[in-house]
Amino acid sequence: MSPEQPAEPAGKSLFSLQRRERLMEELRAHGAITVRGIAAKLGVSELTIRRDVNILADEGLVSRVHGGATLPSKLDRSTAAGRPPHHSYSIGMVVPSLDYYWPQVISGARAEAEDQNLRILVRGSAYDAADNRRQVQALLDTQNIDGLIVAPDMTGDQGQELLRWLNALPIPVVLAERRSPIEIPAHRLEWVATDHAFGAGMAVRHLWQEGHRRIGCLTDSSSPTSPHVVRGWHQALAALKIPLEGSVHEDSAKPENGGRATHFDHVLALCRKTGTTAMLVHSDTQAVAFVQHCVDKGLRVPGDIAIVGYDDEVAYLAEPAISAVRPPKQYVGKVAVQLMAARLAEGRMRPVHRIELNPELILRESSAGAPQAPAAGMLQVPQ
């Protein structure tokens, strides 16, 4: 290195200052800049320009807008409420519920973000692709986020279009408890999800070890989790050589509160007809209702019918307490933030990561320790 050349750290620092000076010159000349336009003009990445804009905004020199920056306005309150200087990145997070399952995912994400010096901005949505997109767009329009963690609805044409849109965003996206289907080549999307099929298999094998030879499945087809639970149930039946034909598999998505009792009576009638003595029920709120219905009908749980729920949000509140598969919800949030932090730090050179986490089976009274299941056809449902 020649004496005239500055040391590398000083050179980098000087270049950053010069780059931000250029941004301010462009703003004074034109009143506004776009991240894409100024990145192309200066020959740097859009992420670099977004960081420069964040620094200038935190200093009160510019106002952040979607896709760029303007000179500050007295009407702009975002500077005072903007990202604290010590946060290296801001991550948007959109989840479909703030009162069931997802609070634990958010808790794990927040804890990891604090450890990683990141900022998390959470928005609640619905199980609806159009609303998912509205909430993501709101984050993009009002916050200068560097990455996105989202649990989108992927059903139908709108869901598939949403995935394509997320895949095309200029910031990294990590799916939480979702996987892009094979027909959507979302090559840039990363994800962390529970292996729900494995969890369902654990439940079936537990019931088999308890002596049950006919094991049914009651799910809610409106839930993104249910197809994986059903797949795991199918796989476990095949491995244990339990015939799928004649096994009870019912969908509880359609019956409303008024028709749920009738629906449960129908399920119990099928159990009696097929000799089914155990049921895997998703979700565990549905399992609680099903256990209550069985008890009201005079059935012993687990003596007459054993039940395992899925999610383990409220299963312990039932009487008897319900065994349940427990997804590692906090770890889903934690690992999602870890994936995002690594992606932001390493950029496009990092391979796309897609991670599955195993759930655990929590054993309680509803399935464990009962006498061996009665012979097929012996389940009696009082009329």
Protein backbone atom coordinates (compact mmCIF):
# COMPACT_ATOMS: atom_id res chain seq x y z
CA MET A 1 0.00 0.00 0.00
CA SER A 2 1.42 3.36 -1.00
CA PRO A 3 1.65 6.18 1.60
CA GLU A 4 -0.89 8.20 -0.36
CA GLN A 5 -3.58 5.46 -0.02
CA PRO A 6 -5.67 5.53 3.14
CA ALA A 7 -6.09 2.39 5.23
CA GLU A 8 -8.99 0.19 4.13
CA PRO A 9 -11.34 0.98 7.05
CA ALA A 10 -10.86 4.70 6.61
CA GLY A 11 -11.40 4.36 2.87
CA LYS A 12 -14.68 2.55 3.42
CA SER A 13 -15.81 5.15 5.93
CA LEU A 14 -14.93 7.99 3.59
CA PHE A 15 -16.73 6.35 0.69
CA SER A 16 -19.88 5.92 2.80
CA LEU A 17 -19.80 9.60 3.72
CA GLN A 18 -19.23 10.59 0.10
CA ARG A 19 -22.09 8.36 -1.02
CA ARG A 20 -24.50 9.92 1.44
CA GLU A 21 -23.34 13.35 0.34
CA ARG A 22 -24.27 12.36 -3.21
CA LEU A 23 -27.70 11.29 -1.97
CA MET A 24 -28.19 14.68 -0.33
CA GLU A 25 -27.05 16.46 -3.50
CA GLU A 26 -29.59 14.50 -5.55
CA LEU A 27 -32.31 15.32 -3.05
CA ARG A 28 -31.49 19.03 -3.06
CA ALA A 29 -31.50 19.03 -6.85
CA HIS A 30 -34.65 16.96 -7.42
CA GLY A 31 -36.53 16.92 -4.10
CA ALA A 32 -36.79 13.13 -4.08
CA ILE A 33 -34.85 10.01 -5.00
CA THR A 34 -35.73 6.39 -5.62
CA VAL A 35 -33.64 3.62 -4.16
CA ARG A 36 -33.51 1.81 -7.49
CA GLY A 37 -32.54 4.88 -9.48
CA ILE A 38 -29.79 6.11 -7.19
CA ALA A 39 -28.38 2.58 -6.75
CA ALA A 40 -28.01 2.27 -10.52
CA LYS A 41 -26.47 5.73 -10.79
CA LEU A 42 -23.89 5.06 -8.07
CA GLY A 43 -23.26 1.46 -9.04
CA VAL A 44 -24.10 -0.02 -5.63
CA SER A 45 -26.79 -2.38 -4.36
CA GLU A 46 -30.28 -1.21 -3.46
CA LEU A 47 -29.73 -2.61 0.06
CA THR A 48 -26.72 -0.28 0.45
CA ILE A 49 -28.83 2.73 -0.57
CA ARG A 50 -31.64 1.71 1.81
CA ARG A 51 -29.12 1.63 4.66
CA ASP A 52 -27.86 5.09 3.69
CA VAL A 53 -31.42 6.41 3.61
CA ASN A 54 -32.05 4.89 7.06
CA ILE A 55 -28.97 6.60 8.48
CA LEU A 56 -29.93 9.96 6.98
CA ALA A 57 -33.52 9.59 8.19
CA ASP A 58 -32.39 8.74 11.72
CA GLU A 59 -30.37 11.95 11.65
CA GLY A 60 -33.45 13.89 10.53
CA LEU A 61 -31.94 14.85 7.17
CA VAL A 62 -34.46 13.04 4.94
CA SER A 63 -37.96 11.59 5.09
CA ARG A 64 -38.34 7.94 4.14
CA VAL A 65 -41.04 7.07 1.63
CA HIS A 66 -41.87 3.80 -0.06
CA GLY A 67 -39.06 3.04 -2.47
CA GLY A 68 -36.97 6.10 -1.74
CA ALA A 69 -36.64 9.36 0.18
CA THR A 70 -37.58 13.04 0.06
CA LEU A 71 -36.32 16.15 1.75
CA PRO A 72 -37.78 16.37 5.27
CA SER A 73 -41.21 17.88 5.78
CA LYS A 74 -42.70 19.31 8.95
CA LEU A 75 -45.66 17.03 8.34
CA ASP A 76 -43.47 13.92 8.48
CA ARG A 77 -43.46 12.33 11.95
CA SER A 78 -41.62 9.18 10.95
CA THR A 79 -38.17 10.56 11.74
CA ALA A 80 -38.88 10.95 15.44
CA ALA A 81 -40.54 7.54 15.56
CA GLY A 82 -38.09 5.88 13.20
CA ARG A 83 -35.69 3.07 13.79
CA PRO A 84 -33.27 3.65 16.66
CA PRO A 85 -29.69 3.99 15.40
CA HIS A 86 -28.53 0.85 17.26
CA HIS A 87 -30.84 -1.43 15.26
CA SER A 88 -28.95 -2.85 12.29
CA TYR A 89 -32.07 -3.90 10.34
CA SER A 90 -35.85 -3.68 10.50
CA ILE A 91 -37.89 -6.80 9.77
CA GLY A 92 -41.60 -6.77 9.00
CA MET A 93 -43.69 -9.69 10.24
CA VAL A 94 -47.24 -10.51 9.08
CA VAL A 95 -49.14 -13.33 10.81
CA PRO A 96 -52.75 -14.50 10.34
CA SER A 97 -53.75 -14.40 14.00
CA LEU A 98 -52.76 -12.56 17.15
CA ASP A 99 -54.74 -14.69 19.61
CA TYR A 100 -54.09 -18.35 18.73
CA TYR A 101 -50.83 -20.17 17.95
CA TRP A 102 -49.04 -17.12 16.56
CA PRO A 103 -48.36 -15.15 19.78
CA GLN A 104 -45.74 -17.76 20.71
CA VAL A 105 -44.18 -17.53 17.25
CA ILE A 106 -44.03 -13.74 17.61
CA SER A 107 -42.53 -14.08 21.10
CA GLY A 108 -39.73 -16.28 19.76
CA ALA A 109 -39.08 -13.87 16.91
CA ARG A 110 -38.95 -10.83 19.20
CA ALA A 111 -36.54 -12.51 21.63
CA GLU A 112 -34.18 -13.53 18.83
CA ALA A 113 -34.44 -10.10 17.20
CA GLU A 114 -33.41 -8.46 20.46
CA ASP A 115 -30.42 -10.79 20.71
CA GLN A 116 -29.48 -10.02 17.10
CA ASN A 117 -29.94 -6.25 17.45
CA LEU A 118 -32.85 -6.23 14.99
CA ARG A 119 -36.20 -4.48 15.05
CA ILE A 120 -39.43 -6.43 14.50
CA LEU A 121 -42.58 -4.71 13.18
CA VAL A 122 -45.61 -7.00 13.54
CA ARG A 123 -48.94 -6.73 11.75
CA GLY A 124 -51.90 -9.03 12.25
CA SER A 125 -53.79 -10.26 9.22
CA ALA A 126 -56.41 -12.90 8.41
CA TYR A 127 -56.33 -16.28 6.71
CA ASP A 128 -56.89 -14.48 3.43
CA ALA A 129 -54.40 -13.83 0.63
CA ALA A 130 -55.79 -10.41 -0.27
CA ASP A 131 -55.54 -9.20 3.33
CA ASN A 132 -52.06 -10.72 3.67
CA ARG A 133 -50.94 -8.65 0.69
CA ARG A 134 -52.56 -5.49 2.07
CA GLN A 135 -50.72 -5.88 5.37
CA VAL A 136 -47.38 -6.54 3.67
CA GLN A 137 -47.91 -3.55 1.38
CA ALA A 138 -48.71 -1.38 4.39
CA LEU A 139 -45.34 -2.29 5.89
CA LEU A 140 -43.57 -1.58 2.61
CA ASP A 141 -45.34 1.78 2.26
CA THR A 142 -44.93 3.06 5.82
CA GLN A 143 -41.77 1.40 7.16
CA ASN A 144 -38.33 1.08 5.64
CA ILE A 145 -38.04 -2.65 6.23
CA ASP A 146 -35.05 -4.73 5.16
CA GLY A 147 -36.74 -8.13 5.20
CA LEU A 148 -40.09 -9.81 5.69
CA ILE A 149 -41.34 -12.81 7.71
CA VAL A 150 -44.83 -13.82 6.65
CA ALA A 151 -47.34 -16.66 7.01
CA PRO A 152 -49.44 -16.20 3.86
CA ASP A 153 -52.62 -17.88 2.77
CA MET A 154 -51.60 -19.96 -0.23
CA THR A 155 -54.95 -21.35 -1.37
CA GLY A 156 -56.56 -20.68 -4.73
CA ASP A 157 -55.43 -18.34 -7.49
CA GLN A 158 -55.00 -15.40 -5.10
CA GLY A 159 -52.75 -17.43 -2.82
CA GLN A 160 -50.55 -18.55 -5.71
CA GLU A 161 -50.31 -15.00 -7.04
CA LEU A 162 -49.38 -13.80 -3.55
CA LEU A 163 -46.49 -16.28 -3.42
CA ARG A 164 -45.23 -15.12 -6.82
CA TRP A 165 -45.42 -11.51 -5.65
CA LEU A 166 -43.54 -12.28 -2.42
CA ASN A 167 -40.89 -14.15 -4.40
CA ALA A 168 -40.39 -11.09 -6.63
CA LEU A 169 -40.02 -8.53 -3.82
CA PRO A 170 -36.65 -6.74 -3.73
CA ILE A 171 -36.16 -7.67 -0.06
CA PRO A 172 -35.65 -11.17 1.37
CA VAL A 173 -38.73 -13.09 2.49
CA VAL A 174 -38.93 -15.95 4.99
CA LEU A 175 -42.15 -17.96 5.26
CA ALA A 176 -43.18 -19.07 8.77
CA GLU A 177 -45.12 -22.35 9.08
CA ARG A 178 -45.61 -22.32 5.31
CA ARG A 179 -43.95 -24.04 2.35
CA SER A 180 -44.30 -22.98 -1.23
CA PRO A 181 -46.05 -25.75 -3.20
CA ILE A 182 -44.08 -27.52 -5.89
CA GLU A 183 -46.16 -25.95 -8.65
CA ILE A 184 -44.98 -22.45 -7.63
CA PRO A 185 -41.23 -22.19 -8.38
CA ALA A 186 -40.60 -19.59 -5.67
CA HIS A 187 -36.84 -20.08 -5.83
CA ARG A 188 -35.96 -17.11 -3.59
CA LEU A 189 -38.35 -17.82 -0.71
CA GLU A 190 -36.89 -19.34 2.43
CA TRP A 191 -38.95 -20.92 5.17
CA VAL A 192 -39.04 -22.53 8.58
CA ALA A 193 -41.95 -24.85 9.33
CA THR A 194 -42.97 -27.57 11.75
CA ASP A 195 -42.93 -31.10 10.34
CA HIS A 196 -46.63 -31.62 11.08
CA ALA A 197 -46.70 -34.93 9.22
CA PHE A 198 -44.05 -36.25 11.61
CA GLY A 199 -46.11 -34.99 14.55
CA ALA A 200 -49.24 -36.76 13.32
CA GLY A 201 -47.20 -39.95 12.91
CA MET A 202 -45.99 -39.69 16.51
CA ALA A 203 -49.60 -39.44 17.71
CA VAL A 204 -50.73 -42.47 15.68
CA ARG A 205 -47.82 -44.60 16.88
CA HIS A 206 -48.53 -43.64 20.49
CA LEU A 207 -52.15 -44.72 20.10
CA TRP A 208 -51.01 -47.97 18.48
CA GLN A 209 -48.71 -48.66 21.42
CA GLU A 210 -51.68 -48.09 23.72
CA GLY A 211 -53.41 -51.00 21.99
CA HIS A 212 -55.62 -49.21 19.45
CA ARG A 213 -55.91 -50.84 16.05
CA ARG A 214 -58.43 -48.51 14.42
CA ILE A 215 -57.29 -44.88 14.62
CA GLY A 216 -59.32 -42.12 12.98
CA CYS A 217 -58.57 -38.51 12.07
CA LEU A 218 -60.73 -35.41 12.51
CA THR A 219 -59.34 -32.27 10.88
CA ASP A 220 -60.31 -28.83 9.60
CA SER A 221 -59.62 -28.47 5.88
CA SER A 222 -59.66 -24.67 6.17
CA SER A 223 -56.40 -24.80 8.16
CA PRO A 224 -53.06 -24.79 6.31
CA THR A 225 -51.79 -27.34 8.87
CA SER A 226 -54.45 -29.99 8.29
CA PRO A 227 -53.16 -31.35 4.94
CA HIS A 228 -49.81 -32.12 6.59
CA VAL A 229 -51.54 -33.76 9.56
CA VAL A 230 -53.62 -35.91 7.22
CA ARG A 231 -50.52 -36.86 5.23
CA GLY A 232 -48.74 -37.94 8.40
CA TRP A 233 -51.80 -39.93 9.50
CA HIS A 234 -51.91 -41.70 6.12
CA GLN A 235 -48.19 -42.50 6.28
CA ALA A 236 -48.41 -43.85 9.83
CA LEU A 237 -51.41 -46.04 8.98
CA ALA A 238 -49.50 -47.48 6.04
CA ALA A 239 -46.40 -48.13 8.15
CA LEU A 240 -48.48 -49.89 10.82
CA LYS A 241 -50.45 -51.79 8.18
CA ILE A 242 -53.77 -50.28 9.29
CA PRO A 243 -56.11 -50.27 6.27
CA LEU A 244 -56.93 -46.77 5.09
CA GLU A 245 -60.18 -48.04 3.63
CA GLY A 246 -62.76 -48.01 6.39
CA SER A 247 -60.72 -45.68 8.62
CA VAL A 248 -62.64 -42.68 9.94
CA HIS A 249 -61.52 -39.39 8.39
CA GLU A 250 -63.89 -36.47 8.81
CA ASP A 251 -63.65 -32.74 8.07
CA SER A 252 -64.94 -30.27 10.65
CA ALA A 253 -64.48 -27.14 8.54
CA LYS A 254 -68.12 -26.71 7.54
CA PRO A 255 -70.31 -27.36 10.61
CA GLU A 256 -71.04 -24.18 12.53
CA ASN A 257 -71.66 -24.07 16.27
CA GLY A 258 -75.27 -25.08 15.79
CA GLY A 259 -74.36 -28.16 13.77
CA ARG A 260 -71.26 -29.29 15.63
CA ALA A 261 -73.07 -31.65 17.98
CA THR A 262 -74.75 -33.36 15.03
CA HIS A 263 -71.40 -33.61 13.28
CA PHE A 264 -69.75 -35.15 16.36
CA ASP A 265 -72.64 -37.64 16.67
CA HIS A 266 -71.94 -38.61 13.05
CA VAL A 267 -68.23 -39.10 13.82
CA LEU A 268 -69.04 -41.28 16.84
CA ALA A 269 -71.48 -43.33 14.79
CA LEU A 270 -68.70 -43.98 12.26
CA CYS A 271 -66.37 -44.95 15.10
CA ARG A 272 -68.92 -47.46 16.37
CA LYS A 273 -69.48 -48.86 12.89
CA THR A 274 -65.78 -49.28 12.09
CA GLY A 275 -64.51 -50.26 15.54
CA THR A 276 -62.46 -47.08 15.79
CA THR A 277 -61.31 -46.57 19.38
CA ALA A 278 -58.92 -43.62 19.01
CA MET A 279 -58.96 -40.29 17.19
CA LEU A 280 -56.34 -37.73 16.20
CA VAL A 281 -58.05 -34.32 16.21
CA HIS A 282 -56.76 -31.07 14.72
CA SER A 283 -56.85 -28.51 16.20
CA ASP A 284 -56.85 -28.98 19.96
CA THR A 285 -59.70 -26.49 20.35
CA GLN A 286 -61.67 -28.94 18.24
CA ALA A 287 -60.31 -31.77 20.40
CA VAL A 288 -61.57 -30.05 23.56
CA ALA A 289 -65.06 -29.75 22.05
CA PHE A 290 -64.97 -33.38 20.89
CA VAL A 291 -63.90 -34.66 24.33
CA GLN A 292 -66.68 -32.66 25.97
CA HIS A 293 -69.19 -34.14 23.53
CA CYS A 294 -67.96 -37.68 24.23
CA VAL A 295 -68.21 -37.15 28.00
CA ASP A 296 -71.70 -35.68 27.62
CA LYS A 297 -72.67 -38.83 25.72
CA GLY A 298 -71.51 -40.98 28.63
CA LEU A 299 -68.31 -42.23 27.00
CA ARG A 300 -65.15 -42.74 29.00
CA VAL A 301 -62.08 -40.92 27.72
CA PRO A 302 -59.75 -42.74 27.22
CA GLY A 303 -61.53 -45.94 28.33
CA ASP A 304 -64.04 -46.01 25.46
CA ILE A 305 -62.28 -43.68 23.05
CA ALA A 306 -58.79 -42.20 23.25
CA ILE A 307 -58.08 -38.75 21.83
CA VAL A 308 -54.92 -36.87 20.87
CA GLY A 309 -55.18 -33.19 19.88
CA TYR A 310 -52.89 -31.08 17.74
CA ASP A 311 -51.38 -27.61 18.51
CA ASP A 312 -51.39 -27.85 22.34
CA GLU A 313 -52.77 -24.37 22.88
CA VAL A 314 -55.70 -25.26 25.18
CA ALA A 315 -55.60 -29.08 25.35
CA TYR A 316 -54.52 -29.07 29.01
CA LEU A 317 -57.69 -27.21 30.00
CA ALA A 318 -60.02 -30.08 29.07
CA GLU A 319 -61.42 -32.63 31.51
CA PRO A 320 -59.77 -35.04 31.14
CA ALA A 321 -56.66 -33.18 29.98
CA ILE A 322 -55.90 -33.99 26.34
CA SER A 323 -52.67 -35.43 25.00
CA ALA A 324 -51.47 -33.19 22.18
CA VAL A 325 -48.78 -32.73 19.57
CA ARG A 326 -46.95 -29.49 20.39
CA PRO A 327 -45.26 -27.64 17.50
CA PRO A 328 -42.11 -25.70 18.55
CA LYS A 329 -43.86 -22.38 18.02
CA GLN A 330 -41.32 -20.12 19.71
CA TYR A 331 -38.52 -21.81 17.80
CA VAL A 332 -40.35 -21.22 14.51
CA GLY A 333 -40.14 -17.47 15.21
CA LYS A 334 -36.59 -17.73 16.53
CA VAL A 335 -35.26 -19.66 13.52
CA ALA A 336 -37.15 -17.40 11.07
CA VAL A 337 -35.27 -14.39 12.48
CA GLN A 338 -32.00 -16.32 12.37
CA LEU A 339 -32.59 -17.13 8.70
CA MET A 340 -33.38 -13.49 7.95
CA ALA A 341 -30.36 -12.17 9.84
CA ALA A 342 -28.05 -14.56 7.98
CA ARG A 343 -29.60 -13.63 4.63
CA LEU A 344 -29.20 -9.89 5.28
CA ALA A 345 -25.61 -10.38 6.42
CA GLU A 346 -24.49 -12.72 3.60
CA GLY A 347 -26.65 -11.55 0.70
CA ARG A 348 -27.23 -13.50 -2.48
CA MET A 349 -24.13 -15.67 -2.02
CA ARG A 350 -25.90 -17.58 0.76
CA PRO A 351 -27.81 -20.67 -0.44
CA VAL A 352 -31.58 -20.65 0.09
CA HIS A 353 -32.41 -22.38 3.39
CA ARG A 354 -35.61 -24.30 4.08
CA ILE A 355 -35.85 -25.75 7.57
CA GLU A 356 -38.28 -28.19 9.21
CA LEU A 357 -38.54 -28.52 12.99
CA ASN A 358 -39.92 -31.58 14.77
CA PRO A 359 -42.82 -31.16 17.23
CA GLU A 360 -43.15 -33.13 20.47
CA LEU A 361 -45.96 -35.26 21.86
CA ILE A 362 -47.26 -34.24 25.28
CA LEU A 363 -49.01 -37.18 26.97
CA ARG A 364 -51.97 -36.56 29.25
CA GLU A 365 -55.04 -38.42 30.51
CA SER A 366 -57.04 -38.55 27.26
CA SER A 367 -54.85 -41.21 25.64
CA ALA A 368 -52.39 -42.66 28.11
CA GLY A 369 -52.70 -45.40 30.70
CA ALA A 370 -56.18 -46.70 29.81
CA PRO A 371 -56.90 -50.43 29.64
CA GLN A 372 -56.31 -52.08 26.27
CA ALA A 373 -58.82 -50.89 23.66
CA PRO A 374 -61.93 -53.04 23.23
CA ALA A 375 -62.33 -55.31 20.24
CA ALA A 376 -63.55 -53.81 16.97
CA GLY A 377 -67.20 -52.90 17.03
CA MET A 378 -67.43 -52.77 20.82
CA LEU A 379 -67.56 -48.98 21.20
CA GLN A 380 -71.08 -48.20 22.33
CA VAL A 381 -72.46 -44.69 21.96
CA PRO A 382 -75.48 -44.11 24.21
CA GLN A 383 -78.43 -42.83 22.20
